Amino acid sequence: MKTSEYTKIYTGDAIMVKRFVLELEDANINPIVKDQTESARLAGFGGGILPGFQEVFVHQDEQERATQIINDITSELEA
């Protein structure tokens, strides 16, 4: 089995994912967003268990910086 060079750093609603993606891209980090529900719908299998939830992945080399950006945004929103 092949191991991935990408690590999941966040799972949540599409609105937060969009915010994180914009901030990561501003930091020259290229995230990958997976939406299992949308993929299933497009394939004709219907919706998933948690519609609207997405996953954000980043390359392992960028994981530390990306995680810090996610934590900073989350802390800012909780304040």
C-alpha atoms as a PDB file:
ATOM      1  CA  MET A   1       0.000   0.000   0.000  1.00  0.00           C
ATOM      2  CA  LYS A   2       1.329   3.401  -0.987  1.00  0.00           C
ATOM      3  CA  THR A   3       1.558   6.065   1.725  1.00  0.00           C
ATOM      4  CA  SER A   4       0.411   9.575   0.983  1.00  0.00           C
ATOM      5  CA  GLU A   5       2.607  12.638   1.153  1.00  0.00           C
ATOM      6  CA  TYR A   6      -0.419  14.645   2.280  1.00  0.00           C
ATOM      7  CA  THR A   7      -1.838  15.014   5.769  1.00  0.00           C
ATOM      8  CA  LYS A   8      -5.351  16.006   6.810  1.00  0.00           C
ATOM      9  CA  ILE A   9      -5.228  19.159   8.925  1.00  0.00           C
ATOM     10  CA  TYR A  10      -8.903  20.056   9.203  1.00  0.00           C
ATOM     11  CA  THR A  11     -12.392  18.634   8.811  1.00  0.00           C
ATOM     12  CA  GLY A  12     -15.345  20.958   9.005  1.00  0.00           C
ATOM     13  CA  ASP A  13     -18.014  22.964   7.252  1.00  0.00           C
ATOM     14  CA  ALA A  14     -17.482  24.463   3.819  1.00  0.00           C
ATOM     15  CA  ILE A  15     -17.489  28.056   5.075  1.00  0.00           C
ATOM     16  CA  MET A  16     -14.550  27.505   7.429  1.00  0.00           C
ATOM     17  CA  VAL A  17     -12.727  25.449   4.816  1.00  0.00           C
ATOM     18  CA  LYS A  18     -13.010  28.326   2.352  1.00  0.00           C
ATOM     19  CA  ARG A  19     -11.520  30.738   4.906  1.00  0.00           C
ATOM     20  CA  PHE A  20      -8.645  28.356   5.683  1.00  0.00           C
ATOM     21  CA  VAL A  21      -7.939  27.731   1.997  1.00  0.00           C
ATOM     22  CA  LEU A  22      -7.702  31.475   1.298  1.00  0.00           C
ATOM     23  CA  GLU A  23      -5.303  32.021   4.209  1.00  0.00           C
ATOM     24  CA  LEU A  24      -3.185  28.996   3.270  1.00  0.00           C
ATOM     25  CA  GLU A  25      -2.948  30.116  -0.346  1.00  0.00           C
ATOM     26  CA  ASP A  26      -1.899  33.604   0.829  1.00  0.00           C
ATOM     27  CA  ALA A  27       0.972  31.848   2.665  1.00  0.00           C
ATOM     28  CA  ASN A  28       1.937  30.007  -0.562  1.00  0.00           C
ATOM     29  CA  ILE A  29       0.598  26.696   0.735  1.00  0.00           C
ATOM     30  CA  ASN A  30      -1.456  24.719  -1.761  1.00  0.00           C
ATOM     31  CA  PRO A  31      -4.165  22.810   0.121  1.00  0.00           C
ATOM     32  CA  ILE A  32      -6.266  20.000  -1.293  1.00  0.00           C
ATOM     33  CA  VAL A  33      -9.947  19.990  -0.370  1.00  0.00           C
ATOM     34  CA  LYS A  34     -11.921  16.749  -0.397  1.00  0.00           C
ATOM     35  CA  ASP A  35     -15.697  16.781  -0.265  1.00  0.00           C
ATOM     36  CA  GLN A  36     -16.938  13.190   0.063  1.00  0.00           C
ATOM     37  CA  THR A  37     -20.601  14.229  -0.126  1.00  0.00           C
ATOM     38  CA  GLU A  38     -20.174  16.154  -3.360  1.00  0.00           C
ATOM     39  CA  SER A  39     -18.076  13.371  -4.884  1.00  0.00           C
ATOM     40  CA  ALA A  40     -20.759  10.821  -4.024  1.00  0.00           C
ATOM     41  CA  ARG A  41     -23.497  13.041  -5.407  1.00  0.00           C
ATOM     42  CA  LEU A  42     -21.663  13.585  -8.686  1.00  0.00           C
ATOM     43  CA  ALA A  43     -21.102   9.850  -9.016  1.00  0.00           C
ATOM     44  CA  GLY A  44     -24.825   9.224  -8.531  1.00  0.00           C
ATOM     45  CA  PHE A  45     -24.645   7.696  -5.060  1.00  0.00           C
ATOM     46  CA  GLY A  46     -26.509  10.421  -3.191  1.00  0.00           C
ATOM     47  CA  GLY A  47     -25.336  12.463  -0.229  1.00  0.00           C
ATOM     48  CA  GLY A  48     -23.074  11.438   2.586  1.00  0.00           C
ATOM     49  CA  ILE A  49     -23.529  11.251   6.317  1.00  0.00           C
ATOM     50  CA  LEU A  50     -22.365  14.821   6.974  1.00  0.00           C
ATOM     51  CA  PRO A  51     -23.379  17.001   4.029  1.00  0.00           C
ATOM     52  CA  GLY A  52     -21.386  20.206   3.721  1.00  0.00           C
ATOM     53  CA  PHE A  53     -18.348  18.890   5.578  1.00  0.00           C
ATOM     54  CA  GLN A  54     -15.011  18.944   3.819  1.00  0.00           C
ATOM     55  CA  GLU A  55     -11.448  17.872   4.568  1.00  0.00           C
ATOM     56  CA  VAL A  56      -8.321  19.976   4.031  1.00  0.00           C
ATOM     57  CA  PHE A  57      -5.028  18.266   3.241  1.00  0.00           C
ATOM     58  CA  VAL A  58      -1.547  19.769   2.851  1.00  0.00           C
ATOM     59  CA  HIS A  59       1.792  18.359   1.816  1.00  0.00           C
ATOM     60  CA  GLN A  60       3.812  17.008   4.745  1.00  0.00           C
ATOM     61  CA  ASP A  61       6.525  19.612   4.122  1.00  0.00           C
ATOM     62  CA  GLU A  62       3.973  22.373   4.735  1.00  0.00           C
ATOM     63  CA  GLN A  63       2.092  20.743   7.600  1.00  0.00           C
ATOM     64  CA  GLU A  64       3.692  22.687  10.454  1.00  0.00           C
ATOM     65  CA  ARG A  65       3.100  26.114   8.880  1.00  0.00           C
ATOM     66  CA  ALA A  66      -0.424  25.160   7.788  1.00  0.00           C
ATOM     67  CA  THR A  67      -1.370  23.862  11.222  1.00  0.00           C
ATOM     68  CA  GLN A  68      -0.162  27.108  12.782  1.00  0.00           C
ATOM     69  CA  ILE A  69      -2.299  29.143  10.366  1.00  0.00           C
ATOM     70  CA  ILE A  70      -5.366  27.009  11.174  1.00  0.00           C
ATOM     71  CA  ASN A  71      -4.716  27.383  14.917  1.00  0.00           C
ATOM     72  CA  ASP A  72      -4.263  31.164  14.610  1.00  0.00           C
ATOM     73  CA  ILE A  73      -7.550  31.577  12.737  1.00  0.00           C
ATOM     74  CA  THR A  74      -9.407  29.312  15.160  1.00  0.00           C
ATOM     75  CA  SER A  75      -8.032  31.220  18.155  1.00  0.00           C
ATOM     76  CA  GLU A  76      -8.968  34.532  16.561  1.00  0.00           C
ATOM     77  CA  LEU A  77     -12.552  33.352  15.997  1.00  0.00           C
ATOM     78  CA  GLU A  78     -12.879  32.082  19.570  1.00  0.00           C
ATOM     79  CA  ALA A  79     -11.684  35.370  21.087  1.00  0.00           C
END
